[in-house]
């Protein structure tokens, strides 16, 4: 649990490579209460906020996979909920939409 600072920003995740809808830019991502509040200029780090500077590592939105067959109940030896969600998370997928025929 974080302690909210007077400016409302708990954590700033900063990278030289943040993927946005306009391209890859240096940016500082302001987080409060576990939610992204804004994507600001790279140098914008409010006083009192914890800074996680990841350097040149890319920061990008999670991927949504809209066509997943979780095979549960049924063919869990092929791939079930546990293995599919672990594999998705390892690959940067944040949301799975399971097909109705699984």
Foldseek 3Di string as FASTA:
>chain_A
DFDQDPVQFAEWEWEQFEQDPVGTGTWIFTDHPNDTDDTHHRVDDDPPHHYHYPYHDYHYAAAEAEEDAQPPPHPVVVHHDVRVVVVSVVVRHDYYHHDPVD
